[in-house]
PDB file of all heavy atoms in Angstrom:
ATOM      1  N   ASP A   1     -18.891  77.285  63.153  1.00  0.00           N
ATOM      2  CA  ASP A   1     -17.599  77.472  62.514  1.00  0.00           C
ATOM      3  C   ASP A   1     -17.814  77.811  61.034  1.00  0.00           C
ATOM      4  O   ASP A   1     -18.083  76.914  60.224  1.00  0.00           O
ATOM      5  CB  ASP A   1     -16.768  76.187  62.643  1.00  0.00           C
ATOM      6  CG  ASP A   1     -15.331  76.366  62.183  1.00  0.00           C
ATOM      7  OD1 ASP A   1     -15.017  77.400  61.556  1.00  0.00           O
ATOM      8  OD2 ASP A   1     -14.503  75.447  62.418  1.00  0.00           O
ATOM      9  N   ASP A   2     -17.684  79.084  60.704  1.00  0.00           N
ATOM     10  CA  ASP A   2     -17.876  79.488  59.306  1.00  0.00           C
ATOM     11  C   ASP A   2     -16.625  79.238  58.465  1.00  0.00           C
ATOM     12  O   ASP A   2     -16.583  79.563  57.276  1.00  0.00           O
ATOM     13  CB  ASP A   2     -18.332  80.937  59.204  1.00  0.00           C
ATOM     14  CG  ASP A   2     -17.350  81.926  59.809  1.00  0.00           C
ATOM     15  OD1 ASP A   2     -16.255  81.517  60.235  1.00  0.00           O
ATOM     16  OD2 ASP A   2     -17.697  83.119  59.879  1.00  0.00           O
ATOM     17  N   GLN A   3     -15.614  78.629  59.078  1.00  0.00           N
ATOM     18  CA  GLN A   3     -14.407  78.207  58.365  1.00  0.00           C
ATOM     19  C   GLN A   3     -14.272  76.680  58.372  1.00  0.00           C
ATOM     20  O   GLN A   3     -13.185  76.145  58.267  1.00  0.00           O
ATOM     21  CB  GLN A   3     -13.166  78.850  58.993  1.00  0.00           C
ATOM     22  CG  GLN A   3     -13.197  80.364  59.046  1.00  0.00           C
ATOM     23  CD  GLN A   3     -13.230  81.005  57.672  1.00  0.00           C
ATOM     24  OE1 GLN A   3     -12.461  80.594  56.783  1.00  0.00           O
ATOM     25  NE2 GLN A   3     -14.116  81.969  57.447  1.00  0.00           N
ATOM     26  N   PHE A   4     -15.393  76.009  58.504  1.00  0.00           N
ATOM     27  CA  PHE A   4     -15.428  74.541  58.544  1.00  0.00           C
ATOM     28  C   PHE A   4     -14.880  73.982  57.227  1.00  0.00           C
ATOM     29  O   PHE A   4     -15.275  74.428  56.143  1.00  0.00           O
ATOM     30  CB  PHE A   4     -16.861  74.067  58.780  1.00  0.00           C
ATOM     31  CG  PHE A   4     -17.019  72.592  59.025  1.00  0.00           C
ATOM     32  CD1 PHE A   4     -16.746  72.056  60.262  1.00  0.00           C
ATOM     33  CD2 PHE A   4     -17.458  71.769  58.001  1.00  0.00           C
ATOM     34  CE1 PHE A   4     -16.926  70.692  60.506  1.00  0.00           C
ATOM     35  CE2 PHE A   4     -17.626  70.408  58.221  1.00  0.00           C
ATOM     36  CZ  PHE A   4     -17.363  69.876  59.483  1.00  0.00           C
ATOM     37  N   THR A   5     -13.985  72.981  57.323  1.00  0.00           N
ATOM     38  CA  THR A   5     -13.392  72.395  56.112  1.00  0.00           C
ATOM     39  C   THR A   5     -13.337  70.868  56.225  1.00  0.00           C
ATOM     40  O   THR A   5     -13.481  70.287  57.314  1.00  0.00           O
ATOM     41  CB  THR A   5     -11.949  72.907  55.920  1.00  0.00           C
ATOM     42  OG1 THR A   5     -11.140  72.439  57.016  1.00  0.00           O
ATOM     43  CG2 THR A   5     -11.900  74.405  55.816  1.00  0.00           C
ATOM     44  N   PHE A   6     -13.072  70.241  55.079  1.00  0.00           N
ATOM     45  CA  PHE A   6     -12.897  68.781  55.058  1.00  0.00           C
ATOM     46  C   PHE A   6     -11.697  68.407  55.922  1.00  0.00           C
ATOM     47  O   PHE A   6     -11.707  67.377  56.607  1.00  0.00           O
ATOM     48  CB  PHE A   6     -12.683  68.317  53.612  1.00  0.00           C
ATOM     49  CG  PHE A   6     -12.608  66.832  53.470  1.00  0.00           C
ATOM     50  CD1 PHE A   6     -13.741  66.066  53.342  1.00  0.00           C
ATOM     51  CD2 PHE A   6     -11.369  66.186  53.476  1.00  0.00           C
ATOM     52  CE1 PHE A   6     -13.664  64.668  53.213  1.00  0.00           C
ATOM     53  CE2 PHE A   6     -11.268  64.809  53.346  1.00  0.00           C
ATOM     54  CZ  PHE A   6     -12.426  64.056  53.218  1.00  0.00           C
ATOM     55  N   ALA A   7     -10.653  69.229  55.901  1.00  0.00           N
ATOM     56  CA  ALA A   7      -9.473  68.931  56.690  1.00  0.00           C
ATOM     57  C   ALA A   7      -9.782  68.910  58.168  1.00  0.00           C
ATOM     58  O   ALA A   7      -9.315  68.062  58.935  1.00  0.00           O
ATOM     59  CB  ALA A   7      -8.365  69.934  56.370  1.00  0.00           C
ATOM     60  N   LYS A   8     -10.581  69.890  58.638  1.00  0.00           N
ATOM     61  CA  LYS A   8     -10.977  69.925  60.035  1.00  0.00           C
ATOM     62  C   LYS A   8     -11.818  68.717  60.398  1.00  0.00           C
ATOM     63  O   LYS A   8     -11.658  68.124  61.472  1.00  0.00           O
ATOM     64  CB  LYS A   8     -11.757  71.204  60.349  1.00  0.00           C
ATOM     65  CG  LYS A   8     -10.933  72.485  60.357  1.00  0.00           C
ATOM     66  CD  LYS A   8     -11.815  73.655  60.741  1.00  0.00           C
ATOM     67  CE  LYS A   8     -11.015  74.959  60.783  1.00  0.00           C
ATOM     68  NZ  LYS A   8     -11.890  76.118  61.172  1.00  0.00           N
ATOM     69  N   LEU A   9     -12.731  68.333  59.499  1.00  0.00           N
ATOM     70  CA  LEU A   9     -13.578  67.184  59.739  1.00  0.00           C
ATOM     71  C   LEU A   9     -12.709  65.923  59.883  1.00  0.00           C
ATOM     72  O   LEU A   9     -12.915  65.078  60.767  1.00  0.00           O
ATOM     73  CB  LEU A   9     -14.578  67.028  58.602  1.00  0.00           C
ATOM     74  CG  LEU A   9     -15.509  65.813  58.623  1.00  0.00           C
ATOM     75  CD1 LEU A   9     -16.364  65.793  59.883  1.00  0.00           C
ATOM     76  CD2 LEU A   9     -16.396  65.791  57.376  1.00  0.00           C
ATOM     77  N   SER A  10     -11.750  65.759  58.982  1.00  0.00           N
ATOM     78  CA  SER A  10     -10.853  64.600  59.025  1.00  0.00           C
ATOM     79  C   SER A  10     -10.061  64.563  60.335  1.00  0.00           C
ATOM     80  O   SER A  10      -9.878  63.500  60.927  1.00  0.00           O
ATOM     81  CB  SER A  10      -9.892  64.628  57.836  1.00  0.00           C
ATOM     82  OG  SER A  10     -10.609  64.523  56.623  1.00  0.00           O
ATOM     83  N   ARG A  11      -9.594  65.747  60.738  1.00  0.00           N
ATOM     84  CA  ARG A  11      -8.815  65.792  61.981  1.00  0.00           C
ATOM     85  C   ARG A  11      -9.674  65.419  63.193  1.00  0.00           C
ATOM     86  O   ARG A  11      -9.226  64.655  64.050  1.00  0.00           O
ATOM     87  CB  ARG A  11      -8.224  67.201  62.148  1.00  0.00           C
ATOM     88  CG  ARG A  11      -7.217  67.323  63.262  1.00  0.00           C
ATOM     89  CD  ARG A  11      -6.605  68.715  63.256  1.00  0.00           C
ATOM     90  NE  ARG A  11      -5.785  68.933  64.447  1.00  0.00           N
ATOM     91  CZ  ARG A  11      -5.319  70.103  64.813  1.00  0.00           C
ATOM     92  NH1 ARG A  11      -5.588  71.190  64.069  1.00  0.00           N
ATOM     93  NH2 ARG A  11      -4.607  70.226  65.905  1.00  0.00           N
ATOM     94  N   ALA A  12     -10.899  65.916  63.225  1.00  0.00           N
ATOM     95  CA  ALA A  12     -11.809  65.581  64.318  1.00  0.00           C
ATOM     96  C   ALA A  12     -12.052  64.083  64.359  1.00  0.00           C
ATOM     97  O   ALA A  12     -12.024  63.461  65.444  1.00  0.00           O
ATOM     98  CB  ALA A  12     -13.133  66.340  64.142  1.00  0.00           C
ATOM     99  N   CYS A  13     -12.284  63.489  63.204  1.00  0.00           N
ATOM    100  CA  CYS A  13     -12.522  62.044  63.158  1.00  0.00           C
ATOM    101  C   CYS A  13     -11.310  61.253  63.620  1.00  0.00           C
ATOM    102  O   CYS A  13     -11.463  60.188  64.269  1.00  0.00           O
ATOM    103  CB  CYS A  13     -12.894  61.631  61.737  1.00  0.00           C
ATOM    104  SG  CYS A  13     -14.520  62.216  61.217  1.00  0.00           S
ATOM    105  N   GLY A  14     -10.129  61.749  63.324  1.00  0.00           N
ATOM    106  CA  GLY A  14      -8.907  61.080  63.782  1.00  0.00           C
ATOM    107  C   GLY A  14      -8.859  61.038  65.296  1.00  0.00           C
ATOM    108  O   GLY A  14      -8.536  60.000  65.898  1.00  0.00           O
ATOM    109  N   TYR A  15      -9.150  62.170  65.939  1.00  0.00           N
ATOM    110  CA  TYR A  15      -9.132  62.196  67.399  1.00  0.00           C
ATOM    111  C   TYR A  15     -10.225  61.293  67.981  1.00  0.00           C
ATOM    112  O   TYR A  15     -10.026  60.624  68.999  1.00  0.00           O
ATOM    113  CB  TYR A  15      -9.360  63.629  67.909  1.00  0.00           C
ATOM    114  CG  TYR A  15      -8.246  64.574  67.574  1.00  0.00           C
ATOM    115  CD1 TYR A  15      -8.503  65.832  67.034  1.00  0.00           C
ATOM    116  CD2 TYR A  15      -6.915  64.242  67.835  1.00  0.00           C
ATOM    117  CE1 TYR A  15      -7.489  66.719  66.735  1.00  0.00           C
ATOM    118  CE2 TYR A  15      -5.883  65.132  67.538  1.00  0.00           C
ATOM    119  CZ  TYR A  15      -6.180  66.364  66.987  1.00  0.00           C
ATOM    120  OH  TYR A  15      -5.150  67.231  66.707  1.00  0.00           O
ATOM    121  N   LEU A  16     -11.373  61.240  67.326  1.00  0.00           N
ATOM    122  CA  LEU A  16     -12.494  60.483  67.861  1.00  0.00           C
ATOM    123  C   LEU A  16     -12.350  58.975  67.666  1.00  0.00           C
ATOM    124  O   LEU A  16     -13.163  58.210  68.185  1.00  0.00           O
ATOM    125  CB  LEU A  16     -13.811  60.972  67.214  1.00  0.00           C
ATOM    126  CG  LEU A  16     -14.240  62.372  67.664  1.00  0.00           C
ATOM    127  CD1 LEU A  16     -15.323  62.912  66.739  1.00  0.00           C
ATOM    128  CD2 LEU A  16     -14.715  62.349  69.104  1.00  0.00           C
ATOM    129  N   ARG A  17     -11.331  58.528  66.994  1.00  0.00           N
ATOM    130  CA  ARG A  17     -11.061  57.100  66.929  1.00  0.00           C
ATOM    131  C   ARG A  17     -10.626  56.577  68.296  1.00  0.00           C
ATOM    132  O   ARG A  17     -10.745  55.381  68.583  1.00  0.00           O
ATOM    133  CB  ARG A  17      -9.985  56.804  65.886  1.00  0.00           C
ATOM    134  CG  ARG A  17     -10.431  57.052  64.445  1.00  0.00           C
ATOM    135  CD  ARG A  17      -9.350  56.720  63.455  1.00  0.00           C
ATOM    136  NE  ARG A  17      -9.020  55.284  63.490  1.00  0.00           N
ATOM    137  CZ  ARG A  17      -8.020  54.748  62.792  1.00  0.00           C
ATOM    138  NH1 ARG A  17      -7.256  55.516  62.018  1.00  0.00           N
ATOM    139  NH2 ARG A  17      -7.786  53.453  62.866  1.00  0.00           N
ATOM    140  N   ASP A  18     -10.137  57.487  69.139  1.00  0.00           N
ATOM    141  CA  ASP A  18      -9.784  57.125  70.504  1.00  0.00           C
ATOM    142  C   ASP A  18     -11.059  57.089  71.330  1.00  0.00           C
ATOM    143  O   ASP A  18     -11.728  58.122  71.481  1.00  0.00           O
ATOM    144  CB  ASP A  18      -8.814  58.170  71.068  1.00  0.00           C
ATOM    145  CG  ASP A  18      -8.365  57.866  72.503  1.00  0.00           C
ATOM    146  OD1 ASP A  18      -8.935  56.940  73.122  1.00  0.00           O
ATOM    147  OD2 ASP A  18      -7.479  58.580  72.990  1.00  0.00           O
ATOM    148  N   PRO A  19     -11.450  55.974  71.923  1.00  0.00           N
ATOM    149  CA  PRO A  19     -12.703  55.904  72.684  1.00  0.00           C
ATOM    150  C   PRO A  19     -12.703  56.761  73.922  1.00  0.00           C
ATOM    151  O   PRO A  19     -13.777  57.055  74.470  1.00  0.00           O
ATOM    152  CB  PRO A  19     -12.803  54.404  73.047  1.00  0.00           C
ATOM    153  CG  PRO A  19     -11.427  53.855  72.921  1.00  0.00           C
ATOM    154  CD  PRO A  19     -10.763  54.644  71.840  1.00  0.00           C
ATOM    155  N   GLN A  20     -11.527  57.229  74.365  1.00  0.00           N
ATOM    156  CA  GLN A  20     -11.466  58.120  75.521  1.00  0.00           C
ATOM    157  C   GLN A  20     -11.710  59.581  75.148  1.00  0.00           C
ATOM    158  O   GLN A  20     -11.827  60.431  76.022  1.00  0.00           O
ATOM    159  CB  GLN A  20     -10.109  57.996  76.227  1.00  0.00           C
ATOM    160  CG  GLN A  20      -9.922  56.680  76.969  1.00  0.00           C
ATOM    161  CD  GLN A  20      -8.678  56.717  77.840  1.00  0.00           C
ATOM    162  OE1 GLN A  20      -7.546  56.715  77.349  1.00  0.00           O
ATOM    163  NE2 GLN A  20      -8.902  56.773  79.135  1.00  0.00           N
ATOM    164  N   CYS A  21     -11.775  59.855  73.855  1.00  0.00           N
ATOM    165  CA  CYS A  21     -12.035  61.215  73.386  1.00  0.00           C
ATOM    166  C   CYS A  21     -13.550  61.368  73.211  1.00  0.00           C
ATOM    167  O   CYS A  21     -14.183  60.620  72.475  1.00  0.00           O
ATOM    168  CB  CYS A  21     -11.331  61.471  72.044  1.00  0.00           C
ATOM    169  SG  CYS A  21     -11.560  63.117  71.369  1.00  0.00           S
ATOM    170  N   ILE A  22     -14.133  62.376  73.896  1.00  0.00           N
ATOM    171  CA  ILE A  22     -15.563  62.583  73.823  1.00  0.00           C
ATOM    172  C   ILE A  22     -15.916  63.613  72.750  1.00  0.00           C
ATOM    173  O   ILE A  22     -15.111  64.486  72.421  1.00  0.00           O
ATOM    174  CB  ILE A  22     -16.170  63.023  75.185  1.00  0.00           C
ATOM    175  CG1 ILE A  22     -15.551  64.343  75.667  1.00  0.00           C
ATOM    176  CG2 ILE A  22     -15.973  61.923  76.223  1.00  0.00           C
ATOM    177  CD1 ILE A  22     -16.194  64.895  76.927  1.00  0.00           C
ATOM    178  N   LEU A  23     -17.113  63.493  72.204  1.00  0.00           N
ATOM    179  CA  LEU A  23     -17.615  64.436  71.208  1.00  0.00           C
ATOM    180  C   LEU A  23     -18.721  65.287  71.859  1.00  0.00           C
ATOM    181  O   LEU A  23     -19.694  64.747  72.363  1.00  0.00           O
ATOM    182  CB  LEU A  23     -18.194  63.701  70.004  1.00  0.00           C
ATOM    183  CG  LEU A  23     -18.891  64.541  68.916  1.00  0.00           C
ATOM    184  CD1 LEU A  23     -17.952  65.600  68.343  1.00  0.00           C
ATOM    185  CD2 LEU A  23     -19.438  63.636  67.815  1.00  0.00           C
ATOM    186  N   VAL A  24     -18.537  66.608  71.848  1.00  0.00           N
ATOM    187  CA  VAL A  24     -19.466  67.549  72.488  1.00  0.00           C
ATOM    188  C   VAL A  24     -19.854  68.600  71.492  1.00  0.00           C
ATOM    189  O   VAL A  24     -19.011  69.096  70.722  1.00  0.00           O
ATOM    190  CB  VAL A  24     -18.806  68.193  73.731  1.00  0.00           C
ATOM    191  CG1 VAL A  24     -19.740  69.206  74.367  1.00  0.00           C
ATOM    192  CG2 VAL A  24     -18.403  67.122  74.752  1.00  0.00           C
ATOM    193  N   ALA A  25     -21.127  68.981  71.478  1.00  0.00           N
ATOM    194  CA  ALA A  25     -21.619  70.075  70.633  1.00  0.00           C
ATOM    195  C   ALA A  25     -22.166  71.178  71.504  1.00  0.00           C
ATOM    196  O   ALA A  25     -22.813  70.916  72.538  1.00  0.00           O
ATOM    197  CB  ALA A  25     -22.705  69.556  69.665  1.00  0.00           C
ATOM    198  N   THR A  26     -21.934  72.429  71.086  1.00  0.00           N
ATOM    199  CA  THR A  26     -22.428  73.542  71.882  1.00  0.00           C
ATOM    200  C   THR A  26     -23.945  73.633  71.844  1.00  0.00           C
ATOM    201  O   THR A  26     -24.570  74.038  72.820  1.00  0.00           O
ATOM    202  CB  THR A  26     -21.839  74.876  71.381  1.00  0.00           C
ATOM    203  OG1 THR A  26     -22.193  75.084  70.011  1.00  0.00           O
ATOM    204  CG2 THR A  26     -20.320  74.907  71.524  1.00  0.00           C
ATOM    205  N   ASP A  27     -24.556  73.289  70.698  1.00  0.00           N
ATOM    206  CA  ASP A  27     -26.005  73.454  70.539  1.00  0.00           C
ATOM    207  C   ASP A  27     -26.480  72.624  69.354  1.00  0.00           C
ATOM    208  O   ASP A  27     -25.658  72.223  68.523  1.00  0.00           O
ATOM    209  CB  ASP A  27     -26.365  74.940  70.357  1.00  0.00           C
ATOM    210  CG  ASP A  27     -25.816  75.490  69.061  1.00  0.00           C
ATOM    211  OD1 ASP A  27     -24.646  75.950  69.032  1.00  0.00           O
ATOM    212  OD2 ASP A  27     -26.542  75.459  68.048  1.00  0.00           O
ATOM    213  N   PRO A  28     -27.814  72.403  69.256  1.00  0.00           N
ATOM    214  CA  PRO A  28     -28.307  71.596  68.132  1.00  0.00           C
ATOM    215  C   PRO A  28     -28.912  72.415  66.991  1.00  0.00           C
ATOM    216  O   PRO A  28     -29.456  71.818  66.078  1.00  0.00           O
ATOM    217  CB  PRO A  28     -29.432  70.790  68.843  1.00  0.00           C
ATOM    218  CG  PRO A  28     -29.999  71.781  69.820  1.00  0.00           C
ATOM    219  CD  PRO A  28     -28.830  72.617  70.294  1.00  0.00           C
ATOM    220  N   ASP A  29     -28.793  73.746  67.033  1.00  0.00           N
ATOM    221  CA  ASP A  29     -29.479  74.567  66.049  1.00  0.00           C
ATOM    222  C   ASP A  29     -29.027  74.201  64.617  1.00  0.00           C
ATOM    223  O   ASP A  29     -27.843  74.337  64.292  1.00  0.00           O
ATOM    224  CB  ASP A  29     -29.208  76.052  66.290  1.00  0.00           C
ATOM    225  CG  ASP A  29     -29.829  76.568  67.576  1.00  0.00           C
ATOM    226  OD1 ASP A  29     -30.392  75.743  68.314  1.00  0.00           O
ATOM    227  OD2 ASP A  29     -29.752  77.779  67.832  1.00  0.00           O
ATOM    228  N   PRO A  30     -29.947  73.766  63.757  1.00  0.00           N
ATOM    229  CA  PRO A  30     -29.543  73.332  62.407  1.00  0.00           C
ATOM    230  C   PRO A  30     -29.204  74.481  61.480  1.00  0.00           C
ATOM    231  O   PRO A  30     -28.439  74.306  60.541  1.00  0.00           O
ATOM    232  CB  PRO A  30     -30.783  72.572  61.907  1.00  0.00           C
ATOM    233  CG  PRO A  30     -31.924  73.198  62.649  1.00  0.00           C
ATOM    234  CD  PRO A  30     -31.381  73.573  63.992  1.00  0.00           C
ATOM    235  N   TRP A  31     -29.790  75.657  61.713  1.00  0.00           N
ATOM    236  CA  TRP A  31     -29.577  76.792  60.840  1.00  0.00           C
ATOM    237  C   TRP A  31     -29.892  78.071  61.605  1.00  0.00           C
ATOM    238  O   TRP A  31     -30.515  78.043  62.674  1.00  0.00           O
ATOM    239  CB  TRP A  31     -30.411  76.722  59.564  1.00  0.00           C
ATOM    240  CG  TRP A  31     -31.905  76.528  59.829  1.00  0.00           C
ATOM    241  CD1 TRP A  31     -32.570  75.335  59.938  1.00  0.00           C
ATOM    242  CD2 TRP A  31     -32.876  77.561  60.042  1.00  0.00           C
ATOM    243  NE1 TRP A  31     -33.889  75.543  60.201  1.00  0.00           N
ATOM    244  CE2 TRP A  31     -34.118  76.895  60.262  1.00  0.00           C
ATOM    245  CE3 TRP A  31     -32.840  78.936  60.070  1.00  0.00           C
ATOM    246  CZ2 TRP A  31     -35.303  77.594  60.530  1.00  0.00           C
ATOM    247  CZ3 TRP A  31     -34.017  79.630  60.322  1.00  0.00           C
ATOM    248  CH2 TRP A  31     -35.240  78.976  60.550  1.00  0.00           C
TER     249      TRP A  31
END
C-alpha cells in the first residue's frame, strides 16, 4: 500500500480489537 497512512493504521487497529477479526498479510517481503 503506497498510500499507507496513520489513519489507516488506526482504523485497522480498531477492527483488530475484536478477537473475532483476523489479521492476514499477503506476503512477508520487507522491501
